[in-house]
Amino acid sequence: MAATTTYQTAYSVPEKDAASIHLGTDTESEALTASPLLPEIPMSSNLDFDLSSIISGSSDPDVDQEKVKKRASNVQKLAEENEKLKAELKAMTDRLEAAERKRAQLAQKRNKQQHILEPSST
């Protein structure tokens, strides 16, 4: 038995040293305190889940389909309103550009008339 004890002590690492080597610490108390702490989950949290509700995603596919149809209808209405507003904006822009051209033509015409009516100073 003495040989077995000598064999174990000569070739095995004591428990204290094994923990410190594994975690890179010098003592057993450091090995125990050096482990990372996990956040605590409050006991009041309700962690009960119904597996079928997770797998199915929703309880009533008809309700989901109705929501999708309603959303599609709203999107269609908004797209139509957007097109209408774009058309109104284009019409307003065209009228504004036409008014600016007309004003420029009138100003140019006035300048020509003033030039003609002014006597030559030569």
PDB file of N, CA and C in Angstrom:
ATOM      1  N   MET A   1       0.791  -1.186   0.000  1.00  0.00           N
ATOM      2  CA  MET A   1       0.000   0.000   0.000  1.00  0.00           C
ATOM      3  C   MET A   1       0.833   1.249   0.000  1.00  0.00           C
ATOM      4  N   ALA A   2       1.973   1.184   0.547  1.00  0.00           N
ATOM      5  CA  ALA A   2       2.843   2.351   0.597  1.00  0.00           C
ATOM      6  C   ALA A   2       3.245   2.763  -0.803  1.00  0.00           C
ATOM      7  N   ALA A   3       3.447   1.786  -1.695  1.00  0.00           N
ATOM      8  CA  ALA A   3       3.815   2.098  -3.072  1.00  0.00           C
ATOM      9  C   ALA A   3       2.657   2.767  -3.792  1.00  0.00           C
ATOM     10  N   THR A   4       1.438   2.317  -3.524  1.00  0.00           N
ATOM     11  CA  THR A   4       0.263   2.915  -4.155  1.00  0.00           C
ATOM     12  C   THR A   4       0.105   4.352  -3.698  1.00  0.00           C
ATOM     13  N   THR A   5       0.277   4.605  -2.408  1.00  0.00           N
ATOM     14  CA  THR A   5       0.171   5.961  -1.888  1.00  0.00           C
ATOM     15  C   THR A   5       1.258   6.835  -2.474  1.00  0.00           C
ATOM     16  N   THR A   6       2.463   6.301  -2.588  1.00  0.00           N
ATOM     17  CA  THR A   6       3.562   7.055  -3.179  1.00  0.00           C
ATOM     18  C   THR A   6       3.256   7.349  -4.639  1.00  0.00           C
ATOM     19  N   TYR A   7       2.691   6.395  -5.351  1.00  0.00           N
ATOM     20  CA  TYR A   7       2.350   6.571  -6.763  1.00  0.00           C
ATOM     21  C   TYR A   7       1.300   7.670  -6.919  1.00  0.00           C
ATOM     22  N   GLN A   8       0.269   7.658  -6.065  1.00  0.00           N
ATOM     23  CA  GLN A   8      -0.777   8.673  -6.163  1.00  0.00           C
ATOM     24  C   GLN A   8      -0.244  10.057  -5.827  1.00  0.00           C
ATOM     25  N   THR A   9       0.575  10.180  -4.820  1.00  0.00           N
ATOM     26  CA  THR A   9       1.083  11.495  -4.445  1.00  0.00           C
ATOM     27  C   THR A   9       2.133  11.985  -5.423  1.00  0.00           C
ATOM     28  N   ALA A  10       2.861  11.095  -6.030  1.00  0.00           N
ATOM     29  CA  ALA A  10       3.908  11.520  -6.950  1.00  0.00           C
ATOM     30  C   ALA A  10       3.337  11.942  -8.297  1.00  0.00           C
ATOM     31  N   TYR A  11       2.248  11.316  -8.742  1.00  0.00           N
ATOM     32  CA  TYR A  11       1.753  11.586 -10.096  1.00  0.00           C
ATOM     33  C   TYR A  11       0.372  12.239 -10.155  1.00  0.00           C
ATOM     34  N   SER A  12      -0.335  12.361  -9.067  1.00  0.00           N
ATOM     35  CA  SER A  12      -1.659  12.983  -9.107  1.00  0.00           C
ATOM     36  C   SER A  12      -1.591  14.374  -8.482  1.00  0.00           C
ATOM     37  N   VAL A  13      -2.467  15.223  -8.957  1.00  0.00           N
ATOM     38  CA  VAL A  13      -2.511  16.590  -8.446  1.00  0.00           C
ATOM     39  C   VAL A  13      -3.540  16.628  -7.331  1.00  0.00           C
ATOM     40  N   PRO A  14      -3.209  17.216  -6.193  1.00  0.00           N
ATOM     41  CA  PRO A  14      -4.186  17.314  -5.112  1.00  0.00           C
ATOM     42  C   PRO A  14      -5.401  18.123  -5.566  1.00  0.00           C
ATOM     43  N   GLU A  15      -6.558  17.882  -4.932  1.00  0.00           N
ATOM     44  CA  GLU A  15      -7.803  18.550  -5.333  1.00  0.00           C
ATOM     45  C   GLU A  15      -7.673  20.067  -5.280  1.00  0.00           C
ATOM     46  N   LYS A  16      -7.026  20.578  -4.274  1.00  0.00           N
ATOM     47  CA  LYS A  16      -6.852  22.018  -4.125  1.00  0.00           C
ATOM     48  C   LYS A  16      -6.081  22.579  -5.313  1.00  0.00           C
ATOM     49  N   ASP A  17      -5.004  21.942  -5.680  1.00  0.00           N
ATOM     50  CA  ASP A  17      -4.191  22.414  -6.803  1.00  0.00           C
ATOM     51  C   ASP A  17      -4.915  22.232  -8.132  1.00  0.00           C
ATOM     52  N   ALA A  18      -5.724  21.192  -8.279  1.00  0.00           N
ATOM     53  CA  ALA A  18      -6.448  20.958  -9.530  1.00  0.00           C
ATOM     54  C   ALA A  18      -7.419  22.101  -9.791  1.00  0.00           C
ATOM     55  N   ALA A  19      -8.107  22.573  -8.768  1.00  0.00           N
ATOM     56  CA  ALA A  19      -9.046  23.681  -8.938  1.00  0.00           C
ATOM     57  C   ALA A  19      -8.312  24.963  -9.278  1.00  0.00           C
ATOM     58  N   SER A  20      -7.180  25.198  -8.628  1.00  0.00           N
ATOM     59  CA  SER A  20      -6.459  26.438  -8.892  1.00  0.00           C
ATOM     60  C   SER A  20      -5.809  26.411 -10.270  1.00  0.00           C
ATOM     61  N   ILE A  21      -5.358  25.245 -10.721  1.00  0.00           N
ATOM     62  CA  ILE A  21      -4.781  25.137 -12.063  1.00  0.00           C
ATOM     63  C   ILE A  21      -5.872  25.318 -13.109  1.00  0.00           C
ATOM     64  N   HIS A  22      -7.010  24.714 -12.884  1.00  0.00           N
ATOM     65  CA  HIS A  22      -8.115  24.794 -13.846  1.00  0.00           C
ATOM     66  C   HIS A  22      -8.595  26.233 -14.034  1.00  0.00           C
ATOM     67  N   LEU A  23      -8.737  26.981 -12.947  1.00  0.00           N
ATOM     68  CA  LEU A  23      -9.259  28.338 -13.040  1.00  0.00           C
ATOM     69  C   LEU A  23      -8.164  29.395 -13.041  1.00  0.00           C
ATOM     70  N   GLY A  24      -6.921  28.997 -12.954  1.00  0.00           N
ATOM     71  CA  GLY A  24      -5.830  29.951 -12.963  1.00  0.00           C
ATOM     72  C   GLY A  24      -5.738  30.758 -11.688  1.00  0.00           C
ATOM     73  N   THR A  25      -6.117  30.183 -10.546  1.00  0.00           N
ATOM     74  CA  THR A  25      -6.046  30.883  -9.272  1.00  0.00           C
ATOM     75  C   THR A  25      -5.098  30.138  -8.357  1.00  0.00           C
ATOM     76  N   ASP A  26      -4.720  30.803  -7.289  1.00  0.00           N
ATOM     77  CA  ASP A  26      -3.745  30.214  -6.387  1.00  0.00           C
ATOM     78  C   ASP A  26      -4.377  29.401  -5.272  1.00  0.00           C
ATOM     79  N   THR A  27      -5.545  29.775  -4.842  1.00  0.00           N
ATOM     80  CA  THR A  27      -6.136  29.073  -3.711  1.00  0.00           C
ATOM     81  C   THR A  27      -7.524  28.578  -4.055  1.00  0.00           C
ATOM     82  N   GLU A  28      -8.008  27.693  -3.227  1.00  0.00           N
ATOM     83  CA  GLU A  28      -9.340  27.122  -3.451  1.00  0.00           C
ATOM     84  C   GLU A  28     -10.420  28.183  -3.266  1.00  0.00           C
ATOM     85  N   SER A  29     -10.255  29.082  -2.312  1.00  0.00           N
ATOM     86  CA  SER A  29     -11.266  30.124  -2.091  1.00  0.00           C
ATOM     87  C   SER A  29     -11.329  31.066  -3.287  1.00  0.00           C
ATOM     88  N   GLU A  30     -10.186  31.378  -3.893  1.00  0.00           N
ATOM     89  CA  GLU A  30     -10.190  32.214  -5.094  1.00  0.00           C
ATOM     90  C   GLU A  30     -10.856  31.479  -6.248  1.00  0.00           C
ATOM     91  N   ALA A  31     -10.667  30.166  -6.333  1.00  0.00           N
ATOM     92  CA  ALA A  31     -11.277  29.387  -7.404  1.00  0.00           C
ATOM     93  C   ALA A  31     -12.791  29.417  -7.284  1.00  0.00           C
ATOM     94  N   LEU A  32     -13.307  29.379  -6.069  1.00  0.00           N
ATOM     95  CA  LEU A  32     -14.748  29.397  -5.881  1.00  0.00           C
ATOM     96  C   LEU A  32     -15.333  30.783  -6.126  1.00  0.00           C
ATOM     97  N   THR A  33     -14.629  31.843  -5.757  1.00  0.00           N
ATOM     98  CA  THR A  33     -15.155  33.199  -5.936  1.00  0.00           C
ATOM     99  C   THR A  33     -14.890  33.743  -7.330  1.00  0.00           C
ATOM    100  N   ALA A  34     -13.993  33.154  -8.090  1.00  0.00           N
ATOM    101  CA  ALA A  34     -13.651  33.671  -9.411  1.00  0.00           C
ATOM    102  C   ALA A  34     -14.642  33.243 -10.483  1.00  0.00           C
ATOM    103  N   SER A  35     -15.532  32.313 -10.178  1.00  0.00           N
ATOM    104  CA  SER A  35     -16.488  31.878 -11.193  1.00  0.00           C
ATOM    105  C   SER A  35     -17.480  33.006 -11.466  1.00  0.00           C
ATOM    106  N   PRO A  36     -17.886  33.181 -12.732  1.00  0.00           N
ATOM    107  CA  PRO A  36     -18.802  34.279 -13.058  1.00  0.00           C
ATOM    108  C   PRO A  36     -20.176  34.047 -12.435  1.00  0.00           C
ATOM    109  N   LEU A  37     -20.783  35.130 -11.996  1.00  0.00           N
ATOM    110  CA  LEU A  37     -22.097  35.040 -11.379  1.00  0.00           C
ATOM    111  C   LEU A  37     -23.159  35.236 -12.449  1.00  0.00           C
ATOM    112  N   LEU A  38     -24.166  34.403 -12.408  1.00  0.00           N
ATOM    113  CA  LEU A  38     -25.270  34.510 -13.354  1.00  0.00           C
ATOM    114  C   LEU A  38     -26.350  35.396 -12.755  1.00  0.00           C
ATOM    115  N   PRO A  39     -27.071  36.137 -13.600  1.00  0.00           N
ATOM    116  CA  PRO A  39     -28.145  36.972 -13.042  1.00  0.00           C
ATOM    117  C   PRO A  39     -29.238  36.103 -12.447  1.00  0.00           C
ATOM    118  N   GLU A  40     -29.796  36.592 -11.376  1.00  0.00           N
ATOM    119  CA  GLU A  40     -30.848  35.827 -10.713  1.00  0.00           C
ATOM    120  C   GLU A  40     -32.185  36.117 -11.368  1.00  0.00           C
ATOM    121  N   ILE A  41     -32.980  35.082 -11.548  1.00  0.00           N
ATOM    122  CA  ILE A  41     -34.314  35.213 -12.120  1.00  0.00           C
ATOM    123  C   ILE A  41     -35.289  35.348 -10.964  1.00  0.00           C
ATOM    124  N   PRO A  42     -36.086  36.409 -10.959  1.00  0.00           N
ATOM    125  CA  PRO A  42     -37.035  36.567  -9.852  1.00  0.00           C
ATOM    126  C   PRO A  42     -38.035  35.419  -9.837  1.00  0.00           C
ATOM    127  N   MET A  43     -38.374  34.989  -8.649  1.00  0.00           N
ATOM    128  CA  MET A  43     -39.276  33.850  -8.507  1.00  0.00           C
ATOM    129  C   MET A  43     -40.705  34.219  -8.890  1.00  0.00           C
ATOM    130  N   SER A  44     -41.022  35.510  -8.927  1.00  0.00           N
ATOM    131  CA  SER A  44     -42.387  35.919  -9.255  1.00  0.00           C
ATOM    132  C   SER A  44     -42.662  35.844 -10.755  1.00  0.00           C
ATOM    133  N   SER A  45     -41.627  35.676 -11.568  1.00  0.00           N
ATOM    134  CA  SER A  45     -41.832  35.603 -13.017  1.00  0.00           C
ATOM    135  C   SER A  45     -42.617  34.364 -13.382  1.00  0.00           C
ATOM    136  N   ASN A  46     -43.574  34.536 -14.263  1.00  0.00           N
ATOM    137  CA  ASN A  46     -44.379  33.413 -14.729  1.00  0.00           C
ATOM    138  C   ASN A  46     -43.706  32.845 -15.968  1.00  0.00           C
ATOM    139  N   LEU A  47     -43.128  31.690 -15.833  1.00  0.00           N
ATOM    140  CA  LEU A  47     -42.396  31.081 -16.933  1.00  0.00           C
ATOM    141  C   LEU A  47     -43.164  29.938 -17.571  1.00  0.00           C
ATOM    142  N   ASP A  48     -44.445  29.851 -17.298  1.00  0.00           N
ATOM    143  CA  ASP A  48     -45.264  28.790 -17.884  1.00  0.00           C
ATOM    144  C   ASP A  48     -45.627  29.160 -19.315  1.00  0.00           C
ATOM    145  N   PHE A  49     -45.327  28.267 -20.246  1.00  0.00           N
ATOM    146  CA  PHE A  49     -45.643  28.479 -21.651  1.00  0.00           C
ATOM    147  C   PHE A  49     -46.428  27.292 -22.167  1.00  0.00           C
ATOM    148  N   ASP A  50     -47.362  27.576 -23.010  1.00  0.00           N
ATOM    149  CA  ASP A  50     -48.102  26.526 -23.676  1.00  0.00           C
ATOM    150  C   ASP A  50     -47.383  26.266 -24.994  1.00  0.00           C
ATOM    151  N   LEU A  51     -46.867  25.077 -25.165  1.00  0.00           N
ATOM    152  CA  LEU A  51     -46.071  24.751 -26.342  1.00  0.00           C
ATOM    153  C   LEU A  51     -46.865  24.928 -27.625  1.00  0.00           C
ATOM    154  N   SER A  52     -48.140  24.629 -27.610  1.00  0.00           N
ATOM    155  CA  SER A  52     -48.949  24.775 -28.826  1.00  0.00           C
ATOM    156  C   SER A  52     -49.086  26.237 -29.224  1.00  0.00           C
ATOM    157  N   SER A  53     -49.137  27.145 -28.253  1.00  0.00           N
ATOM    158  CA  SER A  53     -49.242  28.568 -28.597  1.00  0.00           C
ATOM    159  C   SER A  53     -47.948  29.079 -29.212  1.00  0.00           C
ATOM    160  N   ILE A  54     -46.832  28.523 -28.812  1.00  0.00           N
ATOM    161  CA  ILE A  54     -45.551  28.922 -29.395  1.00  0.00           C
ATOM    162  C   ILE A  54     -45.426  28.385 -30.809  1.00  0.00           C
ATOM    163  N   ILE A  55     -45.819  27.155 -31.017  1.00  0.00           N
ATOM    164  CA  ILE A  55     -45.684  26.521 -32.331  1.00  0.00           C
ATOM    165  C   ILE A  55     -46.655  27.116 -33.335  1.00  0.00           C
ATOM    166  N   SER A  56     -47.898  27.289 -32.944  1.00  0.00           N
ATOM    167  CA  SER A  56     -48.905  27.773 -33.897  1.00  0.00           C
ATOM    168  C   SER A  56     -48.738  29.249 -34.195  1.00  0.00           C
ATOM    169  N   GLY A  57     -48.191  30.018 -33.305  1.00  0.00           N
ATOM    170  CA  GLY A  57     -47.979  31.435 -33.542  1.00  0.00           C
ATOM    171  C   GLY A  57     -49.185  32.269 -33.172  1.00  0.00           C
ATOM    172  N   SER A  58     -50.364  31.931 -33.626  1.00  0.00           N
ATOM    173  CA  SER A  58     -51.567  32.674 -33.262  1.00  0.00           C
ATOM    174  C   SER A  58     -52.702  31.698 -33.013  1.00  0.00           C
ATOM    175  N   SER A  59     -53.719  32.202 -32.358  1.00  0.00           N
ATOM    176  CA  SER A  59     -54.812  31.310 -31.986  1.00  0.00           C
ATOM    177  C   SER A  59     -55.835  31.146 -33.094  1.00  0.00           C
ATOM    178  N   ASP A  60     -56.048  32.182 -33.929  1.00  0.00           N
ATOM    179  CA  ASP A  60     -57.108  32.119 -34.930  1.00  0.00           C
ATOM    180  C   ASP A  60     -56.588  32.632 -36.273  1.00  0.00           C
ATOM    181  N   PRO A  61     -56.412  31.744 -37.251  1.00  0.00           N
ATOM    182  CA  PRO A  61     -55.892  32.191 -38.548  1.00  0.00           C
ATOM    183  C   PRO A  61     -56.854  33.116 -39.276  1.00  0.00           C
ATOM    184  N   ASP A  62     -58.167  32.998 -39.018  1.00  0.00           N
ATOM    185  CA  ASP A  62     -59.132  33.889 -39.663  1.00  0.00           C
ATOM    186  C   ASP A  62     -58.937  35.330 -39.206  1.00  0.00           C
ATOM    187  N   VAL A  63     -58.637  35.507 -37.924  1.00  0.00           N
ATOM    188  CA  VAL A  63     -58.400  36.847 -37.391  1.00  0.00           C
ATOM    189  C   VAL A  63     -57.152  37.439 -38.035  1.00  0.00           C
ATOM    190  N   ASP A  64     -56.105  36.630 -38.153  1.00  0.00           N
ATOM    191  CA  ASP A  64     -54.875  37.103 -38.785  1.00  0.00           C
ATOM    192  C   ASP A  64     -55.118  37.462 -40.242  1.00  0.00           C
ATOM    193  N   GLN A  65     -55.868  36.644 -40.941  1.00  0.00           N
ATOM    194  CA  GLN A  65     -56.151  36.916 -42.350  1.00  0.00           C
ATOM    195  C   GLN A  65     -56.969  38.199 -42.483  1.00  0.00           C
ATOM    196  N   GLU A  66     -57.890  38.411 -41.579  1.00  0.00           N
ATOM    197  CA  GLU A  66     -58.700  39.636 -41.603  1.00  0.00           C
ATOM    198  C   GLU A  66     -57.822  40.861 -41.363  1.00  0.00           C
ATOM    199  N   LYS A  67     -56.871  40.739 -40.439  1.00  0.00           N
ATOM    200  CA  LYS A  67     -55.942  41.842 -40.176  1.00  0.00           C
ATOM    201  C   LYS A  67     -55.100  42.144 -41.408  1.00  0.00           C
ATOM    202  N   VAL A  68     -54.646  41.100 -42.090  1.00  0.00           N
ATOM    203  CA  VAL A  68     -53.839  41.282 -43.299  1.00  0.00           C
ATOM    204  C   VAL A  68     -54.665  41.967 -44.383  1.00  0.00           C
ATOM    205  N   LYS A  69     -55.909  41.550 -44.551  1.00  0.00           N
ATOM    206  CA  LYS A  69     -56.782  42.173 -45.558  1.00  0.00           C
ATOM    207  C   LYS A  69     -57.028  43.642 -45.226  1.00  0.00           C
ATOM    208  N   LYS A  70     -57.263  43.926 -43.959  1.00  0.00           N
ATOM    209  CA  LYS A  70     -57.510  45.306 -43.543  1.00  0.00           C
ATOM    210  C   LYS A  70     -56.274  46.158 -43.788  1.00  0.00           C
ATOM    211  N   ARG A  71     -55.110  45.622 -43.459  1.00  0.00           N
ATOM    212  CA  ARG A  71     -53.867  46.355 -43.679  1.00  0.00           C
ATOM    213  C   ARG A  71     -53.636  46.590 -45.170  1.00  0.00           C
ATOM    214  N   ALA A  72     -53.904  45.574 -45.998  1.00  0.00           N
ATOM    215  CA  ALA A  72     -53.749  45.721 -47.448  1.00  0.00           C
ATOM    216  C   ALA A  72     -54.709  46.778 -47.980  1.00  0.00           C
ATOM    217  N   SER A  73     -55.920  46.796 -47.451  1.00  0.00           N
ATOM    218  CA  SER A  73     -56.897  47.807 -47.858  1.00  0.00           C
ATOM    219  C   SER A  73     -56.417  49.206 -47.486  1.00  0.00           C
ATOM    220  N   ASN A  74     -55.883  49.347 -46.289  1.00  0.00           N
ATOM    221  CA  ASN A  74     -55.354  50.647 -45.856  1.00  0.00           C
ATOM    222  C   ASN A  74     -54.182  51.086 -46.723  1.00  0.00           C
ATOM    223  N   VAL A  75     -53.315  50.153 -47.057  1.00  0.00           N
ATOM    224  CA  VAL A  75     -52.169  50.470 -47.913  1.00  0.00           C
ATOM    225  C   VAL A  75     -52.653  50.915 -49.285  1.00  0.00           C
ATOM    226  N   GLN A  76     -53.655  50.225 -49.822  1.00  0.00           N
ATOM    227  CA  GLN A  76     -54.210  50.581 -51.136  1.00  0.00           C
ATOM    228  C   GLN A  76     -54.813  51.982 -51.104  1.00  0.00           C
ATOM    229  N   LYS A  77     -55.558  52.299 -50.046  1.00  0.00           N
ATOM    230  CA  LYS A  77     -56.152  53.635 -49.917  1.00  0.00           C
ATOM    231  C   LYS A  77     -55.072  54.704 -49.848  1.00  0.00           C
ATOM    232  N   LEU A  78     -54.027  54.434 -49.078  1.00  0.00           N
ATOM    233  CA  LEU A  78     -52.938  55.403 -48.964  1.00  0.00           C
ATOM    234  C   LEU A  78     -52.208  55.581 -50.291  1.00  0.00           C
ATOM    235  N   ALA A  79     -52.032  54.502 -51.036  1.00  0.00           N
ATOM    236  CA  ALA A  79     -51.378  54.598 -52.341  1.00  0.00           C
ATOM    237  C   ALA A  79     -52.222  55.429 -53.302  1.00  0.00           C
ATOM    238  N   GLU A  80     -53.537  55.215 -53.285  1.00  0.00           N
ATOM    239  CA  GLU A  80     -54.430  55.998 -54.148  1.00  0.00           C
ATOM    240  C   GLU A  80     -54.407  57.474 -53.757  1.00  0.00           C
ATOM    241  N   GLU A  81     -54.433  57.743 -52.464  1.00  0.00           N
ATOM    242  CA  GLU A  81     -54.380  59.133 -52.000  1.00  0.00           C
ATOM    243  C   GLU A  81     -53.054  59.777 -52.382  1.00  0.00           C
ATOM    244  N   ASN A  82     -51.981  59.003 -52.293  1.00  0.00           N
ATOM    245  CA  ASN A  82     -50.660  59.506 -52.667  1.00  0.00           C
ATOM    246  C   ASN A  82     -50.625  59.876 -54.147  1.00  0.00           C
ATOM    247  N   GLU A  83     -51.182  59.022 -55.005  1.00  0.00           N
ATOM    248  CA  GLU A  83     -51.228  59.309 -56.440  1.00  0.00           C
ATOM    249  C   GLU A  83     -52.059  60.560 -56.714  1.00  0.00           C
ATOM    250  N   LYS A  84     -53.169  60.703 -56.013  1.00  0.00           N
ATOM    251  CA  LYS A  84     -54.029  61.876 -56.181  1.00  0.00           C
ATOM    252  C   LYS A  84     -53.274  63.148 -55.789  1.00  0.00           C
ATOM    253  N   LEU A  85     -52.564  63.096 -54.665  1.00  0.00           N
ATOM    254  CA  LEU A  85     -51.798  64.256 -54.215  1.00  0.00           C
ATOM    255  C   LEU A  85     -50.662  64.588 -55.178  1.00  0.00           C
ATOM    256  N   LYS A  86     -50.032  63.559 -55.737  1.00  0.00           N
ATOM    257  CA  LYS A  86     -48.978  63.796 -56.730  1.00  0.00           C
ATOM    258  C   LYS A  86     -49.546  64.498 -57.959  1.00  0.00           C
ATOM    259  N   ALA A  87     -50.727  64.070 -58.405  1.00  0.00           N
ATOM    260  CA  ALA A  87     -51.364  64.697 -59.569  1.00  0.00           C
ATOM    261  C   ALA A  87     -51.713  66.152 -59.263  1.00  0.00           C
ATOM    262  N   GLU A  88     -52.244  66.425 -58.074  1.00  0.00           N
ATOM    263  CA  GLU A  88     -52.563  67.800 -57.682  1.00  0.00           C
ATOM    264  C   GLU A  88     -51.306  68.655 -57.623  1.00  0.00           C
ATOM    265  N   LEU A  89     -50.238  68.107 -57.079  1.00  0.00           N
ATOM    266  CA  LEU A  89     -48.976  68.840 -56.992  1.00  0.00           C
ATOM    267  C   LEU A  89     -48.436  69.166 -58.378  1.00  0.00           C
ATOM    268  N   LYS A  90     -48.516  68.202 -59.292  1.00  0.00           N
ATOM    269  CA  LYS A  90     -48.044  68.437 -60.662  1.00  0.00           C
ATOM    270  C   LYS A  90     -48.875  69.524 -61.330  1.00  0.00           C
ATOM    271  N   ALA A  91     -50.194  69.502 -61.143  1.00  0.00           N
ATOM    272  CA  ALA A  91     -51.062  70.531 -61.726  1.00  0.00           C
ATOM    273  C   ALA A  91     -50.726  71.904 -61.154  1.00  0.00           C
ATOM    274  N   MET A  92     -50.512  71.993 -59.860  1.00  0.00           N
ATOM    275  CA  MET A  92     -50.153  73.272 -59.237  1.00  0.00           C
ATOM    276  C   MET A  92     -48.804  73.769 -59.738  1.00  0.00           C
ATOM    277  N   THR A  93     -47.851  72.852 -59.869  1.00  0.00           N
ATOM    278  CA  THR A  93     -46.528  73.220 -60.368  1.00  0.00           C
ATOM    279  C   THR A  93     -46.627  73.729 -61.801  1.00  0.00           C
ATOM    280  N   ASP A  94     -47.418  73.053 -62.626  1.00  0.00           N
ATOM    281  CA  ASP A  94     -47.604  73.492 -64.015  1.00  0.00           C
ATOM    282  C   ASP A  94     -48.232  74.884 -64.063  1.00  0.00           C
ATOM    283  N   ARG A  95     -49.244  75.138 -63.233  1.00  0.00           N
ATOM    284  CA  ARG A  95     -49.882  76.461 -63.210  1.00  0.00           C
ATOM    285  C   ARG A  95     -48.904  77.533 -62.747  1.00  0.00           C
ATOM    286  N   LEU A  96     -48.106  77.215 -61.750  1.00  0.00           N
ATOM    287  CA  LEU A  96     -47.123  78.173 -61.240  1.00  0.00           C
ATOM    288  C   LEU A  96     -46.081  78.499 -62.304  1.00  0.00           C
ATOM    289  N   GLU A  97     -45.580  77.466 -62.983  1.00  0.00           N
ATOM    290  CA  GLU A  97     -44.595  77.705 -64.044  1.00  0.00           C
ATOM    291  C   GLU A  97     -45.201  78.530 -65.174  1.00  0.00           C
ATOM    292  N   ALA A  98     -46.456  78.255 -65.529  1.00  0.00           N
ATOM    293  CA  ALA A  98     -47.130  79.028 -66.586  1.00  0.00           C
ATOM    294  C   ALA A  98     -47.294  80.485 -66.157  1.00  0.00           C
ATOM    295  N   ALA A  99     -47.654  80.720 -64.894  1.00  0.00           N
ATOM    296  CA  ALA A  99     -47.809  82.087 -64.394  1.00  0.00           C
ATOM    297  C   ALA A  99     -46.472  82.817 -64.401  1.00  0.00           C
ATOM    298  N   GLU A 100     -45.402  82.125 -64.037  1.00  0.00           N
ATOM    299  CA  GLU A 100     -44.075  82.753 -64.048  1.00  0.00           C
ATOM    300  C   GLU A 100     -43.648  83.095 -65.474  1.00  0.00           C
ATOM    301  N   ARG A 101     -43.922  82.207 -66.427  1.00  0.00           N
ATOM    302  CA  ARG A 101     -43.590  82.501 -67.832  1.00  0.00           C
ATOM    303  C   ARG A 101     -44.384  83.713 -68.323  1.00  0.00           C
ATOM    304  N   LYS A 102     -45.656  83.752 -67.977  1.00  0.00           N
ATOM    305  CA  LYS A 102     -46.519  84.865 -68.392  1.00  0.00           C
ATOM    306  C   LYS A 102     -46.004  86.171 -67.800  1.00  0.00           C
ATOM    307  N   ARG A 103     -45.637  86.161 -66.534  1.00  0.00           N
ATOM    308  CA  ARG A 103     -45.107  87.364 -65.880  1.00  0.00           C
ATOM    309  C   ARG A 103     -43.817  87.815 -66.549  1.00  0.00           C
ATOM    310  N   ALA A 104     -42.943  86.858 -66.859  1.00  0.00           N
ATOM    311  CA  ALA A 104     -41.691  87.208 -67.533  1.00  0.00           C
ATOM    312  C   ALA A 104     -41.968  87.798 -68.916  1.00  0.00           C
ATOM    313  N   GLN A 105     -42.925  87.254 -69.647  1.00  0.00           N
ATOM    314  CA  GLN A 105     -43.274  87.782 -70.971  1.00  0.00           C
ATOM    315  C   GLN A 105     -43.831  89.201 -70.849  1.00  0.00           C
ATOM    316  N   LEU A 106     -44.695  89.432 -69.868  1.00  0.00           N
ATOM    317  CA  LEU A 106     -45.257  90.772 -69.679  1.00  0.00           C
ATOM    318  C   LEU A 106     -44.169  91.779 -69.302  1.00  0.00           C
ATOM    319  N   ALA A 107     -43.257  91.370 -68.438  1.00  0.00           N
ATOM    320  CA  ALA A 107     -42.162  92.260 -68.044  1.00  0.00           C
ATOM    321  C   ALA A 107     -41.283  92.576 -69.252  1.00  0.00           C
ATOM    322  N   GLN A 108     -41.028  91.590 -70.073  1.00  0.00           N
ATOM    323  CA  GLN A 108     -40.215  91.798 -71.269  1.00  0.00           C
ATOM    324  C   GLN A 108     -40.943  92.729 -72.244  1.00  0.00           C
ATOM    325  N   LYS A 109     -42.238  92.561 -72.385  1.00  0.00           N
ATOM    326  CA  LYS A 109     -43.045  93.400 -73.275  1.00  0.00           C
ATOM    327  C   LYS A 109     -43.039  94.848 -72.774  1.00  0.00           C
ATOM    328  N   ARG A 110     -43.178  95.060 -71.470  1.00  0.00           N
ATOM    329  CA  ARG A 110     -43.126  96.405 -70.899  1.00  0.00           C
ATOM    330  C   ARG A 110     -41.781  97.063 -71.152  1.00  0.00           C
ATOM    331  N   ASN A 111     -40.707  96.287 -70.993  1.00  0.00           N
ATOM    332  CA  ASN A 111     -39.376  96.841 -71.227  1.00  0.00           C
ATOM    333  C   ASN A 111     -39.221  97.280 -72.683  1.00  0.00           C
ATOM    334  N   LYS A 112     -39.743  96.504 -73.616  1.00  0.00           N
ATOM    335  CA  LYS A 112     -39.657  96.871 -75.036  1.00  0.00           C
ATOM    336  C   LYS A 112     -40.459  98.142 -75.306  1.00  0.00           C
ATOM    337  N   GLN A 113     -41.651  98.243 -74.720  1.00  0.00           N
ATOM    338  CA  GLN A 113     -42.486  99.428 -74.935  1.00  0.00           C
ATOM    339  C   GLN A 113     -41.821 100.669 -74.347  1.00  0.00           C
ATOM    340  N   GLN A 114     -41.209 100.526 -73.183  1.00  0.00           N
ATOM    341  CA  GLN A 114     -40.530 101.669 -72.578  1.00  0.00           C
ATOM    342  C   GLN A 114     -39.341 102.082 -73.434  1.00  0.00           C
ATOM    343  N   HIS A 115     -38.674 101.120 -74.021  1.00  0.00           N
ATOM    344  CA  HIS A 115     -37.530 101.410 -74.872  1.00  0.00           C
ATOM    345  C   HIS A 115     -37.980 102.172 -76.120  1.00  0.00           C
ATOM    346  N   ILE A 116     -39.097 101.790 -76.664  1.00  0.00           N
ATOM    347  CA  ILE A 116     -39.600 102.420 -77.882  1.00  0.00           C
ATOM    348  C   ILE A 116     -40.112 103.826 -77.567  1.00  0.00           C
ATOM    349  N   LEU A 117     -40.799 104.016 -76.471  1.00  0.00           N
ATOM    350  CA  LEU A 117     -41.383 105.302 -76.129  1.00  0.00           C
ATOM    351  C   LEU A 117     -40.349 106.323 -75.669  1.00  0.00           C
ATOM    352  N   GLU A 118     -39.233 105.896 -75.178  1.00  0.00           N
ATOM    353  CA  GLU A 118     -38.208 106.831 -74.713  1.00  0.00           C
ATOM    354  C   GLU A 118     -37.542 107.485 -75.923  1.00  0.00           C
ATOM    355  N   PRO A 119     -37.382 108.792 -75.883  1.00  0.00           N
ATOM    356  CA  PRO A 119     -36.698 109.458 -77.002  1.00  0.00           C
ATOM    357  C   PRO A 119     -35.210 109.126 -77.001  1.00  0.00           C
ATOM    358  N   SER A 120     -34.662 109.083 -78.148  1.00  0.00           N
ATOM    359  CA  SER A 120     -33.231 108.810 -78.277  1.00  0.00           C
ATOM    360  C   SER A 120     -32.460 109.999 -77.748  1.00  0.00           C
ATOM    361  N   SER A 121     -31.456 109.748 -77.027  1.00  0.00           N
ATOM    362  CA  SER A 121     -30.664 110.825 -76.448  1.00  0.00           C
ATOM    363  C   SER A 121     -29.444 111.151 -77.306  1.00  0.00           C
ATOM    364  N   THR A 122     -29.430 110.795 -78.547  1.00  0.00           N
ATOM    365  CA  THR A 122     -28.297 111.104 -79.417  1.00  0.00           C
ATOM    366  C   THR A 122     -28.409 112.382 -80.121  1.00  0.00           C
TER     367      THR A 122
END
